[in-house]
Amino acid sequence: MGTFIIKGTAVAGTLTDNSIGNSPFVRVVATAGTNTITVKDGSTTLGTTLLHSAGDEITIEKHPKHTISSSAAVSATAVGVGH
């Protein structure tokens, strides 16, 4: 786990094409079991990753207009990456 700066309020639940406040860095924590996280540019899928269990986390770097979707419940927060 690295250092990060919280830049907004957490968005909880299953995400559907959410830009998370147009943030370029988003911390995503699975709050349910196995969870597929997808990053899109409009309708084009740019990439996916798997969080295996509740509590797994990832920080995603994306373009502000890109969106994030999840297959199950997560907590997603706009963050800045610390040094």
Protein backbone atom coordinates (compact mmCIF):
# COMPACT_ATOMS: atom_id res chain seq x y z
CA MET A 1 0.00 0.00 0.00
CA GLY A 2 1.39 3.39 -1.00
CA THR A 3 0.74 6.93 0.12
CA PHE A 4 -2.15 8.77 -1.47
CA ILE A 5 -4.12 12.00 -0.98
CA ILE A 6 -7.90 11.71 -0.78
CA LYS A 7 -9.48 14.05 -3.35
CA GLY A 8 -13.19 13.31 -2.95
CA THR A 9 -15.94 11.32 -1.30
CA ALA A 10 -16.02 7.55 -1.77
CA VAL A 11 -18.52 6.18 -4.29
CA ALA A 12 -19.91 2.88 -3.01
CA GLY A 13 -21.78 0.08 -4.77
CA THR A 14 -21.55 -1.53 -8.18
CA LEU A 15 -20.10 1.02 -10.61
CA THR A 16 -21.40 1.58 -14.14
CA ASP A 17 -19.35 3.89 -16.38
CA ASN A 18 -18.43 6.23 -13.52
CA SER A 19 -15.61 8.79 -14.02
CA ILE A 20 -15.21 9.19 -10.23
CA GLY A 21 -15.22 12.98 -10.44
CA ASN A 22 -13.01 12.97 -13.57
CA SER A 23 -10.09 11.98 -11.36
CA PRO A 24 -6.92 10.72 -13.08
CA PHE A 25 -6.17 8.41 -10.10
CA VAL A 26 -8.82 6.24 -8.45
CA ARG A 27 -8.40 3.88 -5.49
CA VAL A 28 -10.81 0.95 -5.76
CA VAL A 29 -11.44 -1.45 -2.86
CA ALA A 30 -13.62 -4.54 -3.34
CA THR A 31 -16.37 -4.74 -0.74
CA ALA A 32 -17.79 -7.97 -2.18
CA GLY A 33 -16.12 -11.16 -3.40
CA THR A 34 -14.56 -11.65 -6.84
CA ASN A 35 -14.90 -8.42 -8.80
CA THR A 36 -13.95 -7.49 -12.38
CA ILE A 37 -12.92 -3.85 -12.79
CA THR A 38 -13.19 -2.36 -16.29
CA VAL A 39 -11.82 0.95 -17.60
CA LYS A 40 -13.50 2.40 -20.70
CA ASP A 41 -13.18 5.30 -23.12
CA GLY A 42 -16.80 5.72 -24.18
CA SER A 43 -17.92 2.26 -25.34
CA THR A 44 -14.34 1.05 -25.94
CA THR A 45 -12.90 -1.18 -23.21
CA LEU A 46 -9.32 -0.13 -22.46
CA GLY A 47 -8.61 -2.81 -19.88
CA THR A 48 -9.89 -5.06 -17.14
CA THR A 49 -8.46 -6.48 -13.94
CA LEU A 50 -9.70 -8.87 -11.27
CA LEU A 51 -9.95 -8.24 -7.54
CA HIS A 52 -10.16 -11.70 -5.99
CA SER A 53 -11.85 -11.03 -2.65
CA ALA A 54 -13.34 -8.35 -0.41
CA GLY A 55 -10.60 -6.03 0.82
CA ASP A 56 -8.46 -6.33 -2.32
CA GLU A 57 -7.50 -2.89 -3.63
CA ILE A 58 -5.95 -1.22 -6.64
CA THR A 59 -5.09 2.34 -7.63
CA ILE A 60 -5.92 3.01 -11.27
CA GLU A 61 -4.36 5.75 -13.39
CA LYS A 62 -6.71 6.88 -16.16
CA HIS A 63 -7.57 9.86 -18.34
CA PRO A 64 -10.13 12.08 -16.55
CA LYS A 65 -12.83 11.27 -19.16
CA HIS A 66 -12.34 7.49 -18.86
CA THR A 67 -14.88 5.58 -16.78
CA ILE A 68 -14.73 2.66 -14.37
CA SER A 69 -17.25 -0.17 -14.01
CA SER A 70 -17.30 -3.05 -11.54
CA SER A 71 -19.05 -6.41 -11.59
CA ALA A 72 -19.87 -6.24 -7.85
CA ALA A 73 -19.76 -3.79 -4.94
CA VAL A 74 -16.68 -1.61 -4.45
CA SER A 75 -15.67 1.61 -2.75
CA ALA A 76 -13.99 3.99 -5.22
CA THR A 77 -12.28 7.25 -4.25
CA ALA A 78 -10.55 9.97 -6.28
CA VAL A 79 -6.98 10.21 -5.04
CA GLY A 80 -3.68 11.92 -5.74
CA VAL A 81 -0.55 9.79 -5.61
CA GLY A 82 1.93 10.75 -2.87
CA HIS A 83 5.68 10.88 -3.20
